């Protein structure tokens, strides 16, 4: 059991609690601003150092396609498309675990049996 002297209040006065909460809220806002500034500067530094290459944009107007799309268009299997990338017969870039192939260059075609 906690003994409190007769002269000391058991809890701080309400005004003191509100002042503390306001101070803590100000500290949290300041820390949030510092964190967001650090994140921004980290992104700029990573770009300047070349750690994060630009992500290829894939849309109907860009030449970048996935391995699956190129395999379907050329008639090769996905494994063979990967081999063509390894042989440097296809221009590809890797981003985030995905391989994007530049289809603006001539694409090899599989000969079909007639």
PDB file of N, CA and C in Angstrom:
ATOM      1  N   UNK A   1       0.846  -1.177   0.000  1.00  0.00           N
ATOM      2  CA  UNK A   1       0.000   0.000   0.000  1.00  0.00           C
ATOM      3  C   UNK A   1       0.891   1.239   0.000  1.00  0.00           C
ATOM      4  N   UNK A   2       0.529   2.190  -0.805  1.00  0.00           N
ATOM      5  CA  UNK A   2       1.295   3.412  -0.962  1.00  0.00           C
ATOM      6  C   UNK A   2       0.794   4.465   0.017  1.00  0.00           C
ATOM      7  N   UNK A   3       1.744   5.033   0.728  1.00  0.00           N
ATOM      8  CA  UNK A   3       1.384   6.063   1.699  1.00  0.00           C
ATOM      9  C   UNK A   3       1.727   7.418   1.114  1.00  0.00           C
ATOM     10  N   UNK A   4       0.776   8.333   1.132  1.00  0.00           N
ATOM     11  CA  UNK A   4       0.969   9.679   0.623  1.00  0.00           C
ATOM     12  C   UNK A   4       0.886  10.630   1.806  1.00  0.00           C
ATOM     13  N   UNK A   5       1.818  11.548   1.860  1.00  0.00           N
ATOM     14  CA  UNK A   5       1.768  12.495   2.983  1.00  0.00           C
ATOM     15  C   UNK A   5       0.534  13.369   2.870  1.00  0.00           C
ATOM     16  N   UNK A   6       0.159  13.968   3.983  1.00  0.00           N
ATOM     17  CA  UNK A   6      -1.042  14.797   4.000  1.00  0.00           C
ATOM     18  C   UNK A   6      -0.845  16.092   3.207  1.00  0.00           C
ATOM     19  N   UNK A   7       0.398  16.546   3.088  1.00  0.00           N
ATOM     20  CA  UNK A   7       0.656  17.803   2.392  1.00  0.00           C
ATOM     21  C   UNK A   7       0.784  17.628   0.872  1.00  0.00           C
ATOM     22  N   UNK A   8       1.225  16.452   0.408  1.00  0.00           N
ATOM     23  CA  UNK A   8       1.441  16.230  -1.027  1.00  0.00           C
ATOM     24  C   UNK A   8       0.179  15.659  -1.662  1.00  0.00           C
ATOM     25  N   UNK A   9      -0.226  16.191  -2.802  1.00  0.00           N
ATOM     26  CA  UNK A   9      -1.409  15.632  -3.468  1.00  0.00           C
ATOM     27  C   UNK A   9      -1.088  14.259  -4.067  1.00  0.00           C
ATOM     28  N   UNK A  10      -2.095  13.395  -4.160  1.00  0.00           N
ATOM     29  CA  UNK A  10      -1.920  12.053  -4.710  1.00  0.00           C
ATOM     30  C   UNK A  10      -1.652  12.118  -6.206  1.00  0.00           C
ATOM     31  N   UNK A  11      -2.248  13.059  -6.900  1.00  0.00           N
ATOM     32  CA  UNK A  11      -2.082  13.233  -8.340  1.00  0.00           C
ATOM     33  C   UNK A  11      -1.666  14.666  -8.629  1.00  0.00           C
ATOM     34  N   UNK A  12      -0.963  14.869  -9.753  1.00  0.00           N
ATOM     35  CA  UNK A  12      -0.643  16.261 -10.089  1.00  0.00           C
ATOM     36  C   UNK A  12      -1.927  17.021 -10.402  1.00  0.00           C
ATOM     37  N   UNK A  13      -1.900  18.307 -10.236  1.00  0.00           N
ATOM     38  CA  UNK A  13      -3.111  19.080 -10.543  1.00  0.00           C
ATOM     39  C   UNK A  13      -3.465  18.964 -12.026  1.00  0.00           C
ATOM     40  N   UNK A  14      -4.753  19.089 -12.390  1.00  0.00           N
ATOM     41  CA  UNK A  14      -5.189  18.930 -13.790  1.00  0.00           C
ATOM     42  C   UNK A  14      -4.476  19.868 -14.757  1.00  0.00           C
ATOM     43  N   UNK A  15      -4.183  21.080 -14.345  1.00  0.00           N
ATOM     44  CA  UNK A  15      -3.503  22.017 -15.240  1.00  0.00           C
ATOM     45  C   UNK A  15      -2.126  21.478 -15.623  1.00  0.00           C
ATOM     46  N   UNK A  16      -1.447  20.866 -14.682  1.00  0.00           N
ATOM     47  CA  UNK A  16      -0.120  20.321 -14.933  1.00  0.00           C
ATOM     48  C   UNK A  16      -0.199  19.164 -15.935  1.00  0.00           C
ATOM     49  N   UNK A  17      -1.224  18.322 -15.828  1.00  0.00           N
ATOM     50  CA  UNK A  17      -1.391  17.194 -16.755  1.00  0.00           C
ATOM     51  C   UNK A  17      -1.611  17.713 -18.175  1.00  0.00           C
ATOM     52  N   UNK A  18      -2.452  18.722 -18.336  1.00  0.00           N
ATOM     53  CA  UNK A  18      -2.707  19.263 -19.674  1.00  0.00           C
ATOM     54  C   UNK A  18      -1.451  19.907 -20.259  1.00  0.00           C
ATOM     55  N   UNK A  19      -0.677  20.553 -19.416  1.00  0.00           N
ATOM     56  CA  UNK A  19       0.574  21.160 -19.889  1.00  0.00           C
ATOM     57  C   UNK A  19       1.556  20.072 -20.319  1.00  0.00           C
ATOM     58  N   UNK A  20       1.619  19.006 -19.551  1.00  0.00           N
ATOM     59  CA  UNK A  20       2.500  17.890 -19.917  1.00  0.00           C
ATOM     60  C   UNK A  20       2.068  17.263 -21.234  1.00  0.00           C
ATOM     61  N   UNK A  21       0.749  17.059 -21.382  1.00  0.00           N
ATOM     62  CA  UNK A  21       0.243  16.474 -22.636  1.00  0.00           C
ATOM     63  C   UNK A  21       0.571  17.373 -23.826  1.00  0.00           C
ATOM     64  N   UNK A  22       0.415  18.669 -23.662  1.00  0.00           N
ATOM     65  CA  UNK A  22       0.720  19.608 -24.745  1.00  0.00           C
ATOM     66  C   UNK A  22       2.211  19.569 -25.082  1.00  0.00           C
ATOM     67  N   UNK A  23       3.049  19.481 -24.067  1.00  0.00           N
ATOM     68  CA  UNK A  23       4.492  19.391 -24.289  1.00  0.00           C
ATOM     69  C   UNK A  23       4.839  18.106 -25.030  1.00  0.00           C
ATOM     70  N   UNK A  24       4.252  16.999 -24.589  1.00  0.00           N
ATOM     71  CA  UNK A  24       4.503  15.714 -25.260  1.00  0.00           C
ATOM     72  C   UNK A  24       4.012  15.734 -26.705  1.00  0.00           C
ATOM     73  N   UNK A  25       2.852  16.333 -26.939  1.00  0.00           N
ATOM     74  CA  UNK A  25       2.322  16.420 -28.306  1.00  0.00           C
ATOM     75  C   UNK A  25       3.266  17.240 -29.181  1.00  0.00           C
ATOM     76  N   UNK A  26       3.820  18.317 -28.615  1.00  0.00           N
ATOM     77  CA  UNK A  26       4.784  19.127 -29.368  1.00  0.00           C
ATOM     78  C   UNK A  26       6.043  18.345 -29.705  1.00  0.00           C
ATOM     79  N   UNK A  27       6.508  17.541 -28.750  1.00  0.00           N
ATOM     80  CA  UNK A  27       7.695  16.713 -28.986  1.00  0.00           C
ATOM     81  C   UNK A  27       7.424  15.687 -30.075  1.00  0.00           C
ATOM     82  N   UNK A  28       6.248  15.075 -30.050  1.00  0.00           N
ATOM     83  CA  UNK A  28       5.887  14.075 -31.068  1.00  0.00           C
ATOM     84  C   UNK A  28       5.828  14.721 -32.453  1.00  0.00           C
ATOM     85  N   UNK A  29       5.246  15.932 -32.538  1.00  0.00           N
ATOM     86  CA  UNK A  29       5.190  16.625 -33.830  1.00  0.00           C
ATOM     87  C   UNK A  29       6.593  16.956 -34.334  1.00  0.00           C
ATOM     88  N   UNK A  30       7.451  17.392 -33.434  1.00  0.00           N
ATOM     89  CA  UNK A  30       8.826  17.713 -33.808  1.00  0.00           C
ATOM     90  C   UNK A  30       9.577  16.476 -34.284  1.00  0.00           C
ATOM     91  N   UNK A  31       9.429  15.370 -33.569  1.00  0.00           N
ATOM     92  CA  UNK A  31      10.087  14.128 -33.983  1.00  0.00           C
ATOM     93  C   UNK A  31       9.560  13.641 -35.326  1.00  0.00           C
ATOM     94  N   UNK A  32       8.257  13.794 -35.553  1.00  0.00           N
ATOM     95  CA  UNK A  32       7.691  13.416 -36.847  1.00  0.00           C
ATOM     96  C   UNK A  32       8.284  14.235 -37.980  1.00  0.00           C
ATOM     97  N   UNK A  33       8.456  15.546 -37.744  1.00  0.00           N
ATOM     98  CA  UNK A  33       9.048  16.411 -38.765  1.00  0.00           C
ATOM     99  C   UNK A  33      10.503  16.022 -39.026  1.00  0.00           C
ATOM    100  N   UNK A  34      11.236  15.711 -37.964  1.00  0.00           N
ATOM    101  CA  UNK A  34      12.638  15.304 -38.120  1.00  0.00           C
ATOM    102  C   UNK A  34      12.733  14.003 -38.901  1.00  0.00           C
ATOM    103  N   UNK A  35      11.868  13.057 -38.584  1.00  0.00           N
ATOM    104  CA  UNK A  35      11.880  11.763 -39.282  1.00  0.00           C
ATOM    105  C   UNK A  35      11.563  11.946 -40.755  1.00  0.00           C
ATOM    106  N   UNK A  36      10.548  12.731 -41.080  1.00  0.00           N
ATOM    107  CA  UNK A  36      10.198  12.918 -42.498  1.00  0.00           C
ATOM    108  C   UNK A  36      11.327  13.637 -43.249  1.00  0.00           C
ATOM    109  N   UNK A  37      12.005  14.573 -42.576  1.00  0.00           N
ATOM    110  CA  UNK A  37      13.140  15.241 -43.211  1.00  0.00           C
ATOM    111  C   UNK A  37      14.285  14.260 -43.456  1.00  0.00           C
ATOM    112  N   UNK A  38      14.543  13.367 -42.497  1.00  0.00           N
ATOM    113  CA  UNK A  38      15.585  12.359 -42.675  1.00  0.00           C
ATOM    114  C   UNK A  38      15.237  11.389 -43.800  1.00  0.00           C
ATOM    115  N   UNK A  39      13.986  11.004 -43.901  1.00  0.00           N
ATOM    116  CA  UNK A  39      13.553  10.099 -44.976  1.00  0.00           C
ATOM    117  C   UNK A  39      13.782  10.759 -46.327  1.00  0.00           C
ATOM    118  N   UNK A  40      13.399  12.036 -46.436  1.00  0.00           N
ATOM    119  CA  UNK A  40      13.587  12.756 -47.693  1.00  0.00           C
ATOM    120  C   UNK A  40      15.057  12.857 -48.074  1.00  0.00           C
ATOM    121  N   UNK A  41      15.899  13.221 -47.106  1.00  0.00           N
ATOM    122  CA  UNK A  41      17.316  13.357 -47.415  1.00  0.00           C
ATOM    123  C   UNK A  41      17.935  11.998 -47.735  1.00  0.00           C
ATOM    124  N   UNK A  42      17.440  10.937 -47.098  1.00  0.00           N
ATOM    125  CA  UNK A  42      17.937   9.594 -47.391  1.00  0.00           C
ATOM    126  C   UNK A  42      17.602   9.207 -48.829  1.00  0.00           C
ATOM    127  N   UNK A  43      16.406   9.538 -49.281  1.00  0.00           N
ATOM    128  CA  UNK A  43      16.010   9.236 -50.661  1.00  0.00           C
ATOM    129  C   UNK A  43      16.911   9.991 -51.634  1.00  0.00           C
ATOM    130  N   UNK A  44      17.160  11.263 -51.340  1.00  0.00           N
ATOM    131  CA  UNK A  44      18.023  12.061 -52.223  1.00  0.00           C
ATOM    132  C   UNK A  44      19.445  11.499 -52.257  1.00  0.00           C
ATOM    133  N   UNK A  45      19.961  11.115 -51.094  1.00  0.00           N
ATOM    134  CA  UNK A  45      21.315  10.557 -51.037  1.00  0.00           C
ATOM    135  C   UNK A  45      21.401   9.227 -51.783  1.00  0.00           C
ATOM    136  N   UNK A  46      20.383   8.379 -51.646  1.00  0.00           N
ATOM    137  CA  UNK A  46      20.383   7.088 -52.335  1.00  0.00           C
ATOM    138  C   UNK A  46      20.338   7.290 -53.850  1.00  0.00           C
ATOM    139  N   UNK A  47      19.557   8.253 -54.315  1.00  0.00           N
ATOM    140  CA  UNK A  47      19.507   8.545 -55.752  1.00  0.00           C
ATOM    141  C   UNK A  47      20.842   9.072 -56.242  1.00  0.00           C
ATOM    142  N   UNK A  48      21.445   9.986 -55.474  1.00  0.00           N
ATOM    143  CA  UNK A  48      22.726  10.563 -55.870  1.00  0.00           C
ATOM    144  C   UNK A  48      23.821   9.498 -55.934  1.00  0.00           C
ATOM    145  N   UNK A  49      23.749   8.512 -55.035  1.00  0.00           N
ATOM    146  CA  UNK A  49      24.754   7.446 -55.009  1.00  0.00           C
ATOM    147  C   UNK A  49      24.450   6.349 -56.027  1.00  0.00           C
ATOM    148  N   UNK A  50      23.255   6.384 -56.631  1.00  0.00           N
ATOM    149  CA  UNK A  50      22.898   5.387 -57.632  1.00  0.00           C
ATOM    150  C   UNK A  50      22.421   4.070 -57.044  1.00  0.00           C
ATOM    151  N   UNK A  51      21.997   4.081 -55.772  1.00  0.00           N
ATOM    152  CA  UNK A  51      21.519   2.848 -55.152  1.00  0.00           C
ATOM    153  C   UNK A  51      20.133   2.448 -55.647  1.00  0.00           C
ATOM    154  N   UNK A  52      19.304   3.402 -55.982  1.00  0.00           N
ATOM    155  CA  UNK A  52      17.934   3.128 -56.397  1.00  0.00           C
ATOM    156  C   UNK A  52      17.738   3.569 -57.843  1.00  0.00           C
ATOM    157  N   UNK A  53      17.946   2.662 -58.804  1.00  0.00           N
ATOM    158  CA  UNK A  53      17.726   3.064 -60.194  1.00  0.00           C
ATOM    159  C   UNK A  53      16.249   3.338 -60.438  1.00  0.00           C
ATOM    160  N   UNK A  54      15.988   4.157 -61.431  1.00  0.00           N
ATOM    161  CA  UNK A  54      14.604   4.489 -61.754  1.00  0.00           C
ATOM    162  C   UNK A  54      13.855   3.233 -62.189  1.00  0.00           C
ATOM    163  N   UNK A  55      12.637   3.101 -61.719  1.00  0.00           N
ATOM    164  CA  UNK A  55      11.826   1.942 -62.061  1.00  0.00           C
ATOM    165  C   UNK A  55      11.318   2.081 -63.494  1.00  0.00           C
ATOM    166  N   UNK A  56      11.454   1.026 -64.291  1.00  0.00           N
ATOM    167  CA  UNK A  56      10.925   1.101 -65.655  1.00  0.00           C
ATOM    168  C   UNK A  56       9.405   1.266 -65.628  1.00  0.00           C
ATOM    169  N   UNK A  57       8.914   2.144 -66.465  1.00  0.00           N
ATOM    170  CA  UNK A  57       7.476   2.375 -66.535  1.00  0.00           C
ATOM    171  C   UNK A  57       6.894   1.438 -67.579  1.00  0.00           C
ATOM    172  N   UNK A  58       5.891   0.688 -67.182  1.00  0.00           N
ATOM    173  CA  UNK A  58       5.267  -0.251 -68.115  1.00  0.00           C
ATOM    174  C   UNK A  58       3.854   0.229 -68.401  1.00  0.00           C
ATOM    175  N   UNK A  59       3.621   0.544 -69.644  1.00  0.00           N
ATOM    176  CA  UNK A  59       2.283   0.915 -70.097  1.00  0.00           C
ATOM    177  C   UNK A  59       2.180   0.507 -71.563  1.00  0.00           C
ATOM    178  N   UNK A  60       1.082   0.827 -72.178  1.00  0.00           N
ATOM    179  CA  UNK A  60       0.888   0.445 -73.582  1.00  0.00           C
ATOM    180  C   UNK A  60       1.853   1.175 -74.505  1.00  0.00           C
ATOM    181  N   UNK A  61       2.358   2.325 -74.086  1.00  0.00           N
ATOM    182  CA  UNK A  61       3.229   3.115 -74.957  1.00  0.00           C
ATOM    183  C   UNK A  61       4.716   2.891 -74.700  1.00  0.00           C
ATOM    184  N   UNK A  62       5.083   2.200 -73.631  1.00  0.00           N
ATOM    185  CA  UNK A  62       6.501   1.971 -73.345  1.00  0.00           C
ATOM    186  C   UNK A  62       6.927   0.602 -73.845  1.00  0.00           C
ATOM    187  N   UNK A  63       8.219   0.435 -74.151  1.00  0.00           N
ATOM    188  CA  UNK A  63       8.685  -0.842 -74.696  1.00  0.00           C
ATOM    189  C   UNK A  63       9.004  -1.899 -73.641  1.00  0.00           C
ATOM    190  N   UNK A  64       8.838  -1.611 -72.347  1.00  0.00           N
ATOM    191  CA  UNK A  64       9.210  -2.573 -71.305  1.00  0.00           C
ATOM    192  C   UNK A  64       8.114  -3.603 -71.092  1.00  0.00           C
ATOM    193  N   UNK A  65       8.504  -4.882 -71.104  1.00  0.00           N
ATOM    194  CA  UNK A  65       7.551  -5.986 -70.916  1.00  0.00           C
ATOM    195  C   UNK A  65       8.127  -7.003 -69.941  1.00  0.00           C
ATOM    196  N   UNK A  66       7.251  -7.806 -69.372  1.00  0.00           N
ATOM    197  CA  UNK A  66       7.686  -8.846 -68.442  1.00  0.00           C
ATOM    198  C   UNK A  66       8.152 -10.074 -69.215  1.00  0.00           C
ATOM    199  N   UNK A  67       8.799 -10.980 -68.522  1.00  0.00           N
ATOM    200  CA  UNK A  67       9.262 -12.227 -69.154  1.00  0.00           C
ATOM    201  C   UNK A  67       8.073 -13.001 -69.705  1.00  0.00           C
ATOM    202  N   UNK A  68       7.003 -13.045 -68.958  1.00  0.00           N
ATOM    203  CA  UNK A  68       5.807 -13.783 -69.397  1.00  0.00           C
ATOM    204  C   UNK A  68       5.238 -13.181 -70.687  1.00  0.00           C
ATOM    205  N   UNK A  69       5.179 -11.857 -70.773  1.00  0.00           N
ATOM    206  CA  UNK A  69       4.653 -11.202 -71.972  1.00  0.00           C
ATOM    207  C   UNK A  69       5.547 -11.461 -73.175  1.00  0.00           C
ATOM    208  N   UNK A  70       6.869 -11.395 -72.968  1.00  0.00           N
ATOM    209  CA  UNK A  70       7.804 -11.630 -74.073  1.00  0.00           C
ATOM    210  C   UNK A  70       7.754 -13.087 -74.505  1.00  0.00           C
ATOM    211  N   UNK A  71       7.634 -14.012 -73.564  1.00  0.00           N
ATOM    212  CA  UNK A  71       7.541 -15.431 -73.907  1.00  0.00           C
ATOM    213  C   UNK A  71       6.308 -15.682 -74.769  1.00  0.00           C
ATOM    214  N   UNK A  72       5.205 -15.074 -74.408  1.00  0.00           N
ATOM    215  CA  UNK A  72       3.974 -15.259 -75.185  1.00  0.00           C
ATOM    216  C   UNK A  72       4.110 -14.659 -76.590  1.00  0.00           C
ATOM    217  N   UNK A  73       4.732 -13.476 -76.683  1.00  0.00           N
ATOM    218  CA  UNK A  73       4.859 -12.799 -77.973  1.00  0.00           C
ATOM    219  C   UNK A  73       5.840 -13.500 -78.907  1.00  0.00           C
ATOM    220  N   UNK A  74       6.905 -14.099 -78.353  1.00  0.00           N
ATOM    221  CA  UNK A  74       7.934 -14.697 -79.200  1.00  0.00           C
ATOM    222  C   UNK A  74       7.734 -16.190 -79.440  1.00  0.00           C
ATOM    223  N   UNK A  75       6.958 -16.841 -78.602  1.00  0.00           N
ATOM    224  CA  UNK A  75       6.767 -18.280 -78.751  1.00  0.00           C
ATOM    225  C   UNK A  75       7.768 -19.099 -77.954  1.00  0.00           C
ATOM    226  N   UNK A  76       8.729 -18.434 -77.313  1.00  0.00           N
ATOM    227  CA  UNK A  76       9.689 -19.134 -76.467  1.00  0.00           C
ATOM    228  C   UNK A  76       9.082 -19.375 -75.087  1.00  0.00           C
ATOM    229  N   UNK A  77       9.661 -20.342 -74.367  1.00  0.00           N
ATOM    230  CA  UNK A  77       9.239 -20.552 -72.984  1.00  0.00           C
ATOM    231  C   UNK A  77       9.869 -19.459 -72.118  1.00  0.00           C
ATOM    232  N   UNK A  78       9.338 -19.291 -70.912  1.00  0.00           N
ATOM    233  CA  UNK A  78       9.897 -18.292 -70.003  1.00  0.00           C
ATOM    234  C   UNK A  78      11.352 -18.625 -69.661  1.00  0.00           C
ATOM    235  N   UNK A  79      11.662 -19.914 -69.554  1.00  0.00           N
ATOM    236  CA  UNK A  79      13.040 -20.335 -69.272  1.00  0.00           C
ATOM    237  C   UNK A  79      13.959 -19.924 -70.414  1.00  0.00           C
ATOM    238  N   UNK A  80      13.507 -20.112 -71.642  1.00  0.00           N
ATOM    239  CA  UNK A  80      14.327 -19.746 -72.793  1.00  0.00           C
ATOM    240  C   UNK A  80      14.513 -18.232 -72.874  1.00  0.00           C
ATOM    241  N   UNK A  81      13.483 -17.472 -72.507  1.00  0.00           N
ATOM    242  CA  UNK A  81      13.608 -16.012 -72.501  1.00  0.00           C
ATOM    243  C   UNK A  81      14.672 -15.608 -71.487  1.00  0.00           C
ATOM    244  N   UNK A  82      14.696 -16.263 -70.337  1.00  0.00           N
ATOM    245  CA  UNK A  82      15.733 -15.981 -69.337  1.00  0.00           C
ATOM    246  C   UNK A  82      17.128 -16.313 -69.882  1.00  0.00           C
ATOM    247  N   UNK A  83      17.231 -17.415 -70.639  1.00  0.00           N
ATOM    248  CA  UNK A  83      18.513 -17.773 -71.249  1.00  0.00           C
ATOM    249  C   UNK A  83      18.941 -16.726 -72.278  1.00  0.00           C
ATOM    250  N   UNK A  84      17.988 -16.216 -73.057  1.00  0.00           N
ATOM    251  CA  UNK A  84      18.302 -15.172 -74.045  1.00  0.00           C
ATOM    252  C   UNK A  84      18.792 -13.904 -73.352  1.00  0.00           C
ATOM    253  N   UNK A  85      18.230 -13.607 -72.190  1.00  0.00           N
ATOM    254  CA  UNK A  85      18.699 -12.461 -71.412  1.00  0.00           C
ATOM    255  C   UNK A  85      20.130 -12.721 -70.954  1.00  0.00           C
ATOM    256  N   UNK A  86      20.399 -13.937 -70.480  1.00  0.00           N
ATOM    257  CA  UNK A  86      21.741 -14.304 -70.039  1.00  0.00           C
ATOM    258  C   UNK A  86      22.757 -14.258 -71.170  1.00  0.00           C
ATOM    259  N   UNK A  87      22.320 -14.568 -72.383  1.00  0.00           N
ATOM    260  CA  UNK A  87      23.201 -14.524 -73.554  1.00  0.00           C
ATOM    261  C   UNK A  87      23.313 -13.112 -74.131  1.00  0.00           C
ATOM    262  N   UNK A  88      22.647 -12.152 -73.495  1.00  0.00           N
ATOM    263  CA  UNK A  88      22.647 -10.742 -73.933  1.00  0.00           C
ATOM    264  C   UNK A  88      21.978 -10.562 -75.295  1.00  0.00           C
ATOM    265  N   UNK A  89      21.115 -11.495 -75.666  1.00  0.00           N
ATOM    266  CA  UNK A  89      20.358 -11.333 -76.910  1.00  0.00           C
ATOM    267  C   UNK A  89      19.103 -10.498 -76.686  1.00  0.00           C
ATOM    268  N   UNK A  90      18.722 -10.338 -75.421  1.00  0.00           N
ATOM    269  CA  UNK A  90      17.620  -9.460 -75.043  1.00  0.00           C
ATOM    270  C   UNK A  90      18.143  -8.465 -74.013  1.00  0.00           C
ATOM    271  N   UNK A  91      17.711  -7.210 -74.144  1.00  0.00           N
ATOM    272  CA  UNK A  91      18.102  -6.184 -73.187  1.00  0.00           C
ATOM    273  C   UNK A  91      17.082  -6.180 -72.056  1.00  0.00           C
ATOM    274  N   UNK A  92      17.572  -6.386 -70.839  1.00  0.00           N
ATOM    275  CA  UNK A  92      16.665  -6.458 -69.698  1.00  0.00           C
ATOM    276  C   UNK A  92      17.264  -5.723 -68.510  1.00  0.00           C
ATOM    277  N   UNK A  93      16.382  -5.310 -67.613  1.00  0.00           N
ATOM    278  CA  UNK A  93      16.803  -4.696 -66.355  1.00  0.00           C
ATOM    279  C   UNK A  93      16.006  -5.331 -65.230  1.00  0.00           C
ATOM    280  N   UNK A  94      16.649  -5.441 -64.074  1.00  0.00           N
ATOM    281  CA  UNK A  94      15.993  -6.058 -62.924  1.00  0.00           C
ATOM    282  C   UNK A  94      15.644  -4.972 -61.929  1.00  0.00           C
ATOM    283  N   UNK A  95      14.411  -4.976 -61.453  1.00  0.00           N
ATOM    284  CA  UNK A  95      13.979  -4.012 -60.456  1.00  0.00           C
ATOM    285  C   UNK A  95      13.076  -4.706 -59.452  1.00  0.00           C
ATOM    286  N   UNK A  96      13.506  -4.714 -58.209  1.00  0.00           N
ATOM    287  CA  UNK A  96      12.677  -5.274 -57.142  1.00  0.00           C
ATOM    288  C   UNK A  96      12.336  -6.739 -57.328  1.00  0.00           C
ATOM    289  N   UNK A  97      13.263  -7.520 -57.871  1.00  0.00           N
ATOM    290  CA  UNK A  97      13.007  -8.936 -58.060  1.00  0.00           C
ATOM    291  C   UNK A  97      12.274  -9.269 -59.351  1.00  0.00           C
ATOM    292  N   UNK A  98      11.904  -8.259 -60.114  1.00  0.00           N
ATOM    293  CA  UNK A  98      11.212  -8.478 -61.385  1.00  0.00           C
ATOM    294  C   UNK A  98      12.130  -8.085 -62.527  1.00  0.00           C
ATOM    295  N   UNK A  99      12.037  -8.815 -63.631  1.00  0.00           N
ATOM    296  CA  UNK A  99      12.860  -8.522 -64.804  1.00  0.00           C
ATOM    297  C   UNK A  99      11.976  -7.851 -65.847  1.00  0.00           C
ATOM    298  N   UNK A 100      12.448  -6.717 -66.356  1.00  0.00           N
ATOM    299  CA  UNK A 100      11.741  -5.994 -67.401  1.00  0.00           C
ATOM    300  C   UNK A 100      12.598  -6.006 -68.656  1.00  0.00           C
ATOM    301  N   UNK A 101      11.999  -6.368 -69.782  1.00  0.00           N
ATOM    302  CA  UNK A 101      12.716  -6.530 -71.045  1.00  0.00           C
ATOM    303  C   UNK A 101      12.340  -5.381 -71.978  1.00  0.00           C
ATOM    304  N   UNK A 102      13.360  -4.805 -72.588  1.00  0.00           N
ATOM    305  CA  UNK A 102      13.158  -3.713 -73.540  1.00  0.00           C
ATOM    306  C   UNK A 102      12.809  -4.327 -74.894  1.00  0.00           C
ATOM    307  N   UNK A 103      11.593  -4.108 -75.350  1.00  0.00           N
ATOM    308  CA  UNK A 103      11.143  -4.695 -76.614  1.00  0.00           C
ATOM    309  C   UNK A 103      11.279  -3.735 -77.788  1.00  0.00           C
ATOM    310  N   UNK A 104      11.951  -2.592 -77.581  1.00  0.00           N
ATOM    311  CA  UNK A 104      12.126  -1.674 -78.704  1.00  0.00           C
ATOM    312  C   UNK A 104      13.183  -2.208 -79.674  1.00  0.00           C
ATOM    313  N   UNK A 105      14.075  -3.078 -79.193  1.00  0.00           N
ATOM    314  CA  UNK A 105      15.076  -3.719 -80.058  1.00  0.00           C
ATOM    315  C   UNK A 105      14.420  -4.903 -80.779  1.00  0.00           C
ATOM    316  N   UNK A 106      15.016  -5.373 -81.872  1.00  0.00           N
ATOM    317  CA  UNK A 106      14.445  -6.538 -82.557  1.00  0.00           C
ATOM    318  C   UNK A 106      14.356  -7.746 -81.623  1.00  0.00           C
ATOM    319  N   UNK A 107      13.222  -8.399 -81.659  1.00  0.00           N
ATOM    320  CA  UNK A 107      12.991  -9.547 -80.786  1.00  0.00           C
ATOM    321  C   UNK A 107      13.216 -10.843 -81.569  1.00  0.00           C
ATOM    322  N   UNK A 108      13.869 -11.825 -80.952  1.00  0.00           N
ATOM    323  CA  UNK A 108      14.022 -13.115 -81.632  1.00  0.00           C
ATOM    324  C   UNK A 108      12.664 -13.816 -81.720  1.00  0.00           C
ATOM    325  N   UNK A 109      12.473 -14.553 -82.767  1.00  0.00           N
ATOM    326  CA  UNK A 109      11.219 -15.297 -82.953  1.00  0.00           C
ATOM    327  C   UNK A 109      11.532 -16.777 -83.046  1.00  0.00           C
ATOM    328  N   UNK A 110      10.679 -17.557 -82.482  1.00  0.00           N
ATOM    329  CA  UNK A 110      10.851 -19.000 -82.541  1.00  0.00           C
ATOM    330  C   UNK A 110      10.268 -19.484 -83.872  1.00  0.00           C
ATOM    331  N   UNK A 111      11.039 -20.350 -84.533  1.00  0.00           N
ATOM    332  CA  UNK A 111      10.548 -20.909 -85.780  1.00  0.00           C
ATOM    333  C   UNK A 111       9.495 -21.965 -85.474  1.00  0.00           C
ATOM    334  N   UNK A 112       8.376 -21.877 -86.118  1.00  0.00           N
ATOM    335  CA  UNK A 112       7.288 -22.818 -85.864  1.00  0.00           C
ATOM    336  C   UNK A 112       7.335 -23.929 -86.894  1.00  0.00           C
ATOM    337  N   UNK A 113       6.999 -25.133 -86.478  1.00  0.00           N
ATOM    338  CA  UNK A 113       6.915 -26.263 -87.417  1.00  0.00           C
ATOM    339  C   UNK A 113       5.715 -26.057 -88.319  1.00  0.00           C
ATOM    340  N   UNK A 114       5.939 -26.351 -89.585  1.00  0.00           N
ATOM    341  CA  UNK A 114       4.829 -26.157 -90.548  1.00  0.00           C
ATOM    342  C   UNK A 114       4.143 -27.426 -90.845  1.00  0.00           C
TER     343      UNK A 114
END
